[in-house]
Amino acid sequence: FGVLARALPWASYLQAPADLWLGKDQGWALLGV
């Protein structure tokens, strides 16, 4: 359910930019987001 939620478009509203701000996604993961 968590994987699905993060793949939906609404995750772009907050979760995606927040994880980038917090440094949770780096390198290829950053580009993937």
PDB file of all heavy atoms in Angstrom:
ATOM      1  N   PHE A   1       0.832  -1.198   0.000  1.00  0.00           N
ATOM      2  CA  PHE A   1       0.000   0.000   0.000  1.00  0.00           C
ATOM      3  C   PHE A   1       0.869   1.251   0.000  1.00  0.00           C
ATOM      4  O   PHE A   1       0.552   2.246  -0.674  1.00  0.00           O
ATOM      5  CB  PHE A   1      -0.933  -0.003   1.204  1.00  0.00           C
ATOM      6  CG  PHE A   1      -1.920   1.137   1.203  1.00  0.00           C
ATOM      7  CD1 PHE A   1      -2.846   1.259   0.185  1.00  0.00           C
ATOM      8  CD2 PHE A   1      -1.920   2.070   2.222  1.00  0.00           C
ATOM      9  CE1 PHE A   1      -3.759   2.308   0.177  1.00  0.00           C
ATOM     10  CE2 PHE A   1      -2.821   3.109   2.225  1.00  0.00           C
ATOM     11  CZ  PHE A   1      -3.746   3.237   1.205  1.00  0.00           C
ATOM     12  N   GLY A   2       1.972   1.213   0.724  1.00  0.00           N
ATOM     13  CA  GLY A   2       2.893   2.336   0.736  1.00  0.00           C
ATOM     14  C   GLY A   2       3.555   2.541  -0.616  1.00  0.00           C
ATOM     15  O   GLY A   2       3.722   3.681  -1.076  1.00  0.00           O
ATOM     16  N   VAL A   3       3.940   1.418  -1.250  1.00  0.00           N
ATOM     17  CA  VAL A   3       4.547   1.505  -2.586  1.00  0.00           C
ATOM     18  C   VAL A   3       3.565   2.102  -3.588  1.00  0.00           C
ATOM     19  O   VAL A   3       3.911   2.971  -4.400  1.00  0.00           O
ATOM     20  CB  VAL A   3       5.009   0.103  -3.061  1.00  0.00           C
ATOM     21  CG1 VAL A   3       5.512   0.179  -4.503  1.00  0.00           C
ATOM     22  CG2 VAL A   3       6.100  -0.429  -2.133  1.00  0.00           C
ATOM     23  N   LEU A   4       2.307   1.647  -3.522  1.00  0.00           N
ATOM     24  CA  LEU A   4       1.275   2.163  -4.420  1.00  0.00           C
ATOM     25  C   LEU A   4       1.037   3.653  -4.190  1.00  0.00           C
ATOM     26  O   LEU A   4       0.952   4.437  -5.144  1.00  0.00           O
ATOM     27  CB  LEU A   4      -0.030   1.395  -4.211  1.00  0.00           C
ATOM     28  CG  LEU A   4      -1.256   1.914  -4.987  1.00  0.00           C
ATOM     29  CD1 LEU A   4      -1.018   1.812  -6.480  1.00  0.00           C
ATOM     30  CD2 LEU A   4      -2.517   1.151  -4.579  1.00  0.00           C
ATOM     31  N   ALA A   5       0.933   4.036  -2.929  1.00  0.00           N
ATOM     32  CA  ALA A   5       0.656   5.438  -2.603  1.00  0.00           C
ATOM     33  C   ALA A   5       1.750   6.354  -3.139  1.00  0.00           C
ATOM     34  O   ALA A   5       1.464   7.435  -3.660  1.00  0.00           O
ATOM     35  CB  ALA A   5       0.522   5.606  -1.090  1.00  0.00           C
ATOM     36  N   ARG A   6       3.000   5.916  -3.044  1.00  0.00           N
ATOM     37  CA  ARG A   6       4.106   6.753  -3.499  1.00  0.00           C
ATOM     38  C   ARG A   6       4.231   6.766  -5.014  1.00  0.00           C
ATOM     39  O   ARG A   6       4.918   7.622  -5.576  1.00  0.00           O
ATOM     40  CB  ARG A   6       5.406   6.284  -2.853  1.00  0.00           C
ATOM     41  CG  ARG A   6       5.376   6.383  -1.333  1.00  0.00           C
ATOM     42  CD  ARG A   6       6.710   6.100  -0.689  1.00  0.00           C
ATOM     43  NE  ARG A   6       7.674   7.142  -0.975  1.00  0.00           N
ATOM     44  CZ  ARG A   6       8.854   7.247  -0.386  1.00  0.00           C
ATOM     45  NH1 ARG A   6       9.203   6.352   0.527  1.00  0.00           N
ATOM     46  NH2 ARG A   6       9.681   8.203  -0.685  1.00  0.00           N
ATOM     47  N   ALA A   7       3.552   5.832  -5.689  1.00  0.00           N
ATOM     48  CA  ALA A   7       3.567   5.816  -7.150  1.00  0.00           C
ATOM     49  C   ALA A   7       2.438   6.648  -7.748  1.00  0.00           C
ATOM     50  O   ALA A   7       2.470   6.978  -8.935  1.00  0.00           O
ATOM     51  CB  ALA A   7       3.465   4.383  -7.662  1.00  0.00           C
ATOM     52  N   LEU A   8       1.439   6.993  -6.944  1.00  0.00           N
ATOM     53  CA  LEU A   8       0.301   7.767  -7.435  1.00  0.00           C
ATOM     54  C   LEU A   8       0.705   9.233  -7.628  1.00  0.00           C
ATOM     55  O   LEU A   8       1.651   9.717  -6.993  1.00  0.00           O
ATOM     56  CB  LEU A   8      -0.861   7.666  -6.445  1.00  0.00           C
ATOM     57  CG  LEU A   8      -1.496   6.270  -6.305  1.00  0.00           C
ATOM     58  CD1 LEU A   8      -2.543   6.275  -5.188  1.00  0.00           C
ATOM     59  CD2 LEU A   8      -2.116   5.836  -7.621  1.00  0.00           C
ATOM     60  N   PRO A   9      -0.028   9.967  -8.470  1.00  0.00           N
ATOM     61  CA  PRO A   9       0.379  11.351  -8.769  1.00  0.00           C
ATOM     62  C   PRO A   9       0.342  12.279  -7.566  1.00  0.00           C
ATOM     63  O   PRO A   9       1.125  13.240  -7.499  1.00  0.00           O
ATOM     64  CB  PRO A   9      -0.629  11.789  -9.842  1.00  0.00           C
ATOM     65  CG  PRO A   9      -1.783  10.857  -9.707  1.00  0.00           C
ATOM     66  CD  PRO A   9      -1.193   9.552  -9.282  1.00  0.00           C
ATOM     67  N   TRP A  10      -0.552  12.004  -6.590  1.00  0.00           N
ATOM     68  CA  TRP A  10      -0.658  12.905  -5.444  1.00  0.00           C
ATOM     69  C   TRP A  10       0.591  12.897  -4.569  1.00  0.00           C
ATOM     70  O   TRP A  10       0.824  13.862  -3.829  1.00  0.00           O
ATOM     71  CB  TRP A  10      -1.882  12.525  -4.612  1.00  0.00           C
ATOM     72  CG  TRP A  10      -3.155  12.726  -5.368  1.00  0.00           C
ATOM     73  CD1 TRP A  10      -3.767  13.923  -5.649  1.00  0.00           C
ATOM     74  CD2 TRP A  10      -3.964  11.700  -5.965  1.00  0.00           C
ATOM     75  NE1 TRP A  10      -4.905  13.697  -6.378  1.00  0.00           N
ATOM     76  CE2 TRP A  10      -5.064  12.353  -6.593  1.00  0.00           C
ATOM     77  CE3 TRP A  10      -3.873  10.318  -6.026  1.00  0.00           C
ATOM     78  CZ2 TRP A  10      -6.054  11.655  -7.267  1.00  0.00           C
ATOM     79  CZ3 TRP A  10      -4.851   9.613  -6.699  1.00  0.00           C
ATOM     80  CH2 TRP A  10      -5.934  10.275  -7.315  1.00  0.00           C
ATOM     81  N   ALA A  11       1.393  11.855  -4.648  1.00  0.00           N
ATOM     82  CA  ALA A  11       2.647  11.832  -3.876  1.00  0.00           C
ATOM     83  C   ALA A  11       3.578  12.952  -4.311  1.00  0.00           C
ATOM     84  O   ALA A  11       4.459  13.371  -3.551  1.00  0.00           O
ATOM     85  CB  ALA A  11       3.332  10.478  -4.036  1.00  0.00           C
ATOM     86  N   SER A  12       3.399  13.451  -5.533  1.00  0.00           N
ATOM     87  CA  SER A  12       4.215  14.553  -6.030  1.00  0.00           C
ATOM     88  C   SER A  12       3.957  15.843  -5.257  1.00  0.00           C
ATOM     89  O   SER A  12       4.812  16.731  -5.233  1.00  0.00           O
ATOM     90  CB  SER A  12       3.929  14.799  -7.516  1.00  0.00           C
ATOM     91  OG  SER A  12       4.337  13.710  -8.311  1.00  0.00           O
ATOM     92  N   TYR A  13       2.769  15.959  -4.653  1.00  0.00           N
ATOM     93  CA  TYR A  13       2.410  17.202  -3.973  1.00  0.00           C
ATOM     94  C   TYR A  13       3.324  17.514  -2.795  1.00  0.00           C
ATOM     95  O   TYR A  13       3.697  18.657  -2.578  1.00  0.00           O
ATOM     96  CB  TYR A  13       0.973  17.130  -3.447  1.00  0.00           C
ATOM     97  CG  TYR A  13      -0.124  17.167  -4.468  1.00  0.00           C
ATOM     98  CD1 TYR A  13       0.107  16.917  -5.823  1.00  0.00           C
ATOM     99  CD2 TYR A  13      -1.432  17.434  -4.085  1.00  0.00           C
ATOM    100  CE1 TYR A  13      -0.922  16.941  -6.739  1.00  0.00           C
ATOM    101  CE2 TYR A  13      -2.473  17.461  -5.005  1.00  0.00           C
ATOM    102  CZ  TYR A  13      -2.208  17.205  -6.330  1.00  0.00           C
ATOM    103  OH  TYR A  13      -3.240  17.232  -7.229  1.00  0.00           O
ATOM    104  N   LEU A  14       3.650  16.497  -2.006  1.00  0.00           N
ATOM    105  CA  LEU A  14       4.394  16.730  -0.768  1.00  0.00           C
ATOM    106  C   LEU A  14       5.486  15.703  -0.518  1.00  0.00           C
ATOM    107  O   LEU A  14       6.644  16.065  -0.264  1.00  0.00           O
ATOM    108  CB  LEU A  14       3.433  16.764   0.430  1.00  0.00           C
ATOM    109  CG  LEU A  14       4.062  16.813   1.829  1.00  0.00           C
ATOM    110  CD1 LEU A  14       5.005  18.002   1.951  1.00  0.00           C
ATOM    111  CD2 LEU A  14       2.983  16.850   2.907  1.00  0.00           C
ATOM    112  N   GLN A  15       5.141  14.409  -0.588  1.00  0.00           N
ATOM    113  CA  GLN A  15       6.104  13.381  -0.207  1.00  0.00           C
ATOM    114  C   GLN A  15       7.370  13.442  -1.055  1.00  0.00           C
ATOM    115  O   GLN A  15       8.485  13.347  -0.529  1.00  0.00           O
ATOM    116  CB  GLN A  15       5.466  12.001  -0.317  1.00  0.00           C
ATOM    117  CG  GLN A  15       6.337  10.874   0.246  1.00  0.00           C
ATOM    118  CD  GLN A  15       6.490  10.959   1.755  1.00  0.00           C
ATOM    119  OE1 GLN A  15       5.519  10.938   2.494  1.00  0.00           O
ATOM    120  NE2 GLN A  15       7.728  11.063   2.232  1.00  0.00           N
ATOM    121  N   ALA A  16       7.208  13.599  -2.366  1.00  0.00           N
ATOM    122  CA  ALA A  16       8.382  13.619  -3.258  1.00  0.00           C
ATOM    123  C   ALA A  16       9.307  14.794  -2.968  1.00  0.00           C
ATOM    124  O   ALA A  16      10.509  14.602  -2.726  1.00  0.00           O
ATOM    125  CB  ALA A  16       7.931  13.622  -4.720  1.00  0.00           C
ATOM    126  N   PRO A  17       8.810  16.048  -2.975  1.00  0.00           N
ATOM    127  CA  PRO A  17       9.727  17.153  -2.662  1.00  0.00           C
ATOM    128  C   PRO A  17      10.272  17.112  -1.241  1.00  0.00           C
ATOM    129  O   PRO A  17      11.422  17.495  -0.994  1.00  0.00           O
ATOM    130  CB  PRO A  17       8.871  18.406  -2.904  1.00  0.00           C
ATOM    131  CG  PRO A  17       7.466  17.946  -2.931  1.00  0.00           C
ATOM    132  CD  PRO A  17       7.493  16.536  -3.398  1.00  0.00           C
ATOM    133  N   ALA A  18       9.469  16.615  -0.291  1.00  0.00           N
ATOM    134  CA  ALA A  18       9.943  16.542   1.092  1.00  0.00           C
ATOM    135  C   ALA A  18      11.106  15.568   1.221  1.00  0.00           C
ATOM    136  O   ALA A  18      12.104  15.854   1.904  1.00  0.00           O
ATOM    137  CB  ALA A  18       8.803  16.124   2.015  1.00  0.00           C
ATOM    138  N   ASP A  19      11.008  14.407   0.575  1.00  0.00           N
ATOM    139  CA  ASP A  19      12.099  13.432   0.648  1.00  0.00           C
ATOM    140  C   ASP A  19      13.373  13.975   0.010  1.00  0.00           C
ATOM    141  O   ASP A  19      14.485  13.669   0.460  1.00  0.00           O
ATOM    142  CB  ASP A  19      11.681  12.130  -0.030  1.00  0.00           C
ATOM    143  CG  ASP A  19      10.860  11.233   0.901  1.00  0.00           C
ATOM    144  OD1 ASP A  19      10.832  11.516   2.110  1.00  0.00           O
ATOM    145  OD2 ASP A  19      10.263  10.258   0.410  1.00  0.00           O
ATOM    146  N   LEU A  20      13.227  14.769  -1.049  1.00  0.00           N
ATOM    147  CA  LEU A  20      14.410  15.381  -1.653  1.00  0.00           C
ATOM    148  C   LEU A  20      15.021  16.396  -0.694  1.00  0.00           C
ATOM    149  O   LEU A  20      16.245  16.459  -0.533  1.00  0.00           O
ATOM    150  CB  LEU A  20      14.040  16.047  -2.981  1.00  0.00           C
ATOM    151  CG  LEU A  20      13.598  15.093  -4.099  1.00  0.00           C
ATOM    152  CD1 LEU A  20      13.229  15.876  -5.358  1.00  0.00           C
ATOM    153  CD2 LEU A  20      14.702  14.091  -4.423  1.00  0.00           C
ATOM    154  N   TRP A  21      14.190  17.214  -0.073  1.00  0.00           N
ATOM    155  CA  TRP A  21      14.673  18.201   0.907  1.00  0.00           C
ATOM    156  C   TRP A  21      15.422  17.503   2.038  1.00  0.00           C
ATOM    157  O   TRP A  21      16.485  17.969   2.474  1.00  0.00           O
ATOM    158  CB  TRP A  21      13.475  18.985   1.449  1.00  0.00           C
ATOM    159  CG  TRP A  21      13.789  19.956   2.553  1.00  0.00           C
ATOM    160  CD1 TRP A  21      14.119  19.652   3.841  1.00  0.00           C
ATOM    161  CD2 TRP A  21      13.791  21.389   2.466  1.00  0.00           C
ATOM    162  NE1 TRP A  21      14.314  20.792   4.579  1.00  0.00           N
ATOM    163  CE2 TRP A  21      14.125  21.871   3.765  1.00  0.00           C
ATOM    164  CE3 TRP A  21      13.526  22.288   1.439  1.00  0.00           C
ATOM    165  CZ2 TRP A  21      14.195  23.241   4.032  1.00  0.00           C
ATOM    166  CZ3 TRP A  21      13.600  23.652   1.732  1.00  0.00           C
ATOM    167  CH2 TRP A  21      13.939  24.129   2.997  1.00  0.00           C
ATOM    168  N   LEU A  22      14.869  16.385   2.508  1.00  0.00           N
ATOM    169  CA  LEU A  22      15.453  15.680   3.649  1.00  0.00           C
ATOM    170  C   LEU A  22      16.656  14.815   3.264  1.00  0.00           C
ATOM    171  O   LEU A  22      17.301  14.231   4.138  1.00  0.00           O
ATOM    172  CB  LEU A  22      14.391  14.800   4.310  1.00  0.00           C
ATOM    173  CG  LEU A  22      13.214  15.549   4.945  1.00  0.00           C
ATOM    174  CD1 LEU A  22      12.129  14.566   5.375  1.00  0.00           C
ATOM    175  CD2 LEU A  22      13.671  16.401   6.121  1.00  0.00           C
ATOM    176  N   GLY A  23      16.928  14.708   1.968  1.00  0.00           N
ATOM    177  CA  GLY A  23      18.073  13.912   1.516  1.00  0.00           C
ATOM    178  C   GLY A  23      17.822  12.424   1.542  1.00  0.00           C
ATOM    179  O   GLY A  23      18.783  11.631   1.542  1.00  0.00           O
ATOM    180  N   LYS A  24      16.543  12.010   1.519  1.00  0.00           N
ATOM    181  CA  LYS A  24      16.230  10.581   1.539  1.00  0.00           C
ATOM    182  C   LYS A  24      16.456   9.927   0.183  1.00  0.00           C
ATOM    183  O   LYS A  24      16.651   8.709   0.102  1.00  0.00           O
ATOM    184  CB  LYS A  24      14.775  10.369   1.975  1.00  0.00           C
ATOM    185  CG  LYS A  24      14.469  10.915   3.363  1.00  0.00           C
ATOM    186  CD  LYS A  24      15.371  10.301   4.416  1.00  0.00           C
ATOM    187  CE  LYS A  24      15.075  10.860   5.793  1.00  0.00           C
ATOM    188  NZ  LYS A  24      15.975  10.303   6.836  1.00  0.00           N
ATOM    189  N   ASP A  25      16.388  10.712  -0.873  1.00  0.00           N
ATOM    190  CA  ASP A  25      16.620  10.199  -2.224  1.00  0.00           C
ATOM    191  C   ASP A  25      17.845  10.888  -2.802  1.00  0.00           C
ATOM    192  O   ASP A  25      17.868  12.117  -2.933  1.00  0.00           O
ATOM    193  CB  ASP A  25      15.403  10.459  -3.126  1.00  0.00           C
ATOM    194  CG  ASP A  25      14.173   9.707  -2.657  1.00  0.00           C
ATOM    195  OD1 ASP A  25      14.267   8.470  -2.519  1.00  0.00           O
ATOM    196  OD2 ASP A  25      13.137  10.346  -2.419  1.00  0.00           O
ATOM    197  N   GLN A  26      18.847  10.107  -3.148  1.00  0.00           N
ATOM    198  CA  GLN A  26      20.089  10.648  -3.683  1.00  0.00           C
ATOM    199  C   GLN A  26      20.507   9.870  -4.923  1.00  0.00           C
ATOM    200  O   GLN A  26      20.078   8.736  -5.142  1.00  0.00           O
ATOM    201  CB  GLN A  26      21.201  10.592  -2.623  1.00  0.00           C
ATOM    202  CG  GLN A  26      20.880  11.378  -1.353  1.00  0.00           C
ATOM    203  CD  GLN A  26      21.981  11.277  -0.313  1.00  0.00           C
ATOM    204  OE1 GLN A  26      23.032  10.697  -0.551  1.00  0.00           O
ATOM    205  NE2 GLN A  26      21.735  11.844   0.859  1.00  0.00           N
ATOM    206  N   GLY A  27      21.362  10.481  -5.738  1.00  0.00           N
ATOM    207  CA  GLY A  27      21.871   9.806  -6.927  1.00  0.00           C
ATOM    208  C   GLY A  27      20.762   9.412  -7.884  1.00  0.00           C
ATOM    209  O   GLY A  27      19.908  10.218  -8.257  1.00  0.00           O
ATOM    210  N   TRP A  28      20.775   8.128  -8.281  1.00  0.00           N
ATOM    211  CA  TRP A  28      19.768   7.636  -9.219  1.00  0.00           C
ATOM    212  C   TRP A  28      18.371   7.678  -8.624  1.00  0.00           C
ATOM    213  O   TRP A  28      17.376   7.869  -9.345  1.00  0.00           O
ATOM    214  CB  TRP A  28      20.108   6.212  -9.656  1.00  0.00           C
ATOM    215  CG  TRP A  28      21.294   6.137 -10.558  1.00  0.00           C
ATOM    216  CD1 TRP A  28      22.526   5.641 -10.257  1.00  0.00           C
ATOM    217  CD2 TRP A  28      21.369   6.581 -11.924  1.00  0.00           C
ATOM    218  NE1 TRP A  28      23.370   5.752 -11.342  1.00  0.00           N
ATOM    219  CE2 TRP A  28      22.685   6.317 -12.374  1.00  0.00           C
ATOM    220  CE3 TRP A  28      20.452   7.182 -12.791  1.00  0.00           C
ATOM    221  CZ2 TRP A  28      23.100   6.639 -13.666  1.00  0.00           C
ATOM    222  CZ3 TRP A  28      20.867   7.505 -14.079  1.00  0.00           C
ATOM    223  CH2 TRP A  28      22.175   7.231 -14.506  1.00  0.00           C
ATOM    224  N   ALA A  29      18.274   7.509  -7.314  1.00  0.00           N
ATOM    225  CA  ALA A  29      16.960   7.579  -6.660  1.00  0.00           C
ATOM    226  C   ALA A  29      16.377   8.981  -6.789  1.00  0.00           C
ATOM    227  O   ALA A  29      15.167   9.149  -7.002  1.00  0.00           O
ATOM    228  CB  ALA A  29      17.086   7.185  -5.193  1.00  0.00           C
ATOM    229  N   LEU A  30      17.231   9.990  -6.670  1.00  0.00           N
ATOM    230  CA  LEU A  30      16.788  11.374  -6.839  1.00  0.00           C
ATOM    231  C   LEU A  30      16.241  11.592  -8.242  1.00  0.00           C
ATOM    232  O   LEU A  30      15.161  12.166  -8.430  1.00  0.00           O
ATOM    233  CB  LEU A  30      17.956  12.322  -6.549  1.00  0.00           C
ATOM    234  CG  LEU A  30      17.711  13.833  -6.616  1.00  0.00           C
ATOM    235  CD1 LEU A  30      18.674  14.550  -5.677  1.00  0.00           C
ATOM    236  CD2 LEU A  30      17.876  14.379  -8.029  1.00  0.00           C
ATOM    237  N   LEU A  31      16.994  11.120  -9.240  1.00  0.00           N
ATOM    238  CA  LEU A  31      16.537  11.257 -10.627  1.00  0.00           C
ATOM    239  C   LEU A  31      15.249  10.477 -10.858  1.00  0.00           C
ATOM    240  O   LEU A  31      14.380  10.896 -11.629  1.00  0.00           O
ATOM    241  CB  LEU A  31      17.629  10.778 -11.581  1.00  0.00           C
ATOM    242  CG  LEU A  31      18.920  11.614 -11.604  1.00  0.00           C
ATOM    243  CD1 LEU A  31      19.935  10.982 -12.547  1.00  0.00           C
ATOM    244  CD2 LEU A  31      18.619  13.047 -12.031  1.00  0.00           C
ATOM    245  N   GLY A  32      15.119   9.325 -10.182  1.00  0.00           N
ATOM    246  CA  GLY A  32      13.912   8.528 -10.329  1.00  0.00           C
ATOM    247  C   GLY A  32      12.682   9.257  -9.811  1.00  0.00           C
ATOM    248  O   GLY A  32      11.609   9.191 -10.419  1.00  0.00           O
ATOM    249  N   VAL A  33      12.830   9.952  -8.679  1.00  0.00           N
ATOM    250  CA  VAL A  33      11.711  10.719  -8.118  1.00  0.00           C
ATOM    251  C   VAL A  33      11.278  11.811  -9.084  1.00  0.00           C
ATOM    252  O   VAL A  33      10.087  11.986  -9.374  1.00  0.00           O
ATOM    253  CB  VAL A  33      12.107  11.330  -6.758  1.00  0.00           C
ATOM    254  CG1 VAL A  33      11.050  12.333  -6.293  1.00  0.00           C
ATOM    255  CG2 VAL A  33      12.288  10.240  -5.714  1.00  0.00           C
TER     256      VAL A  33
END
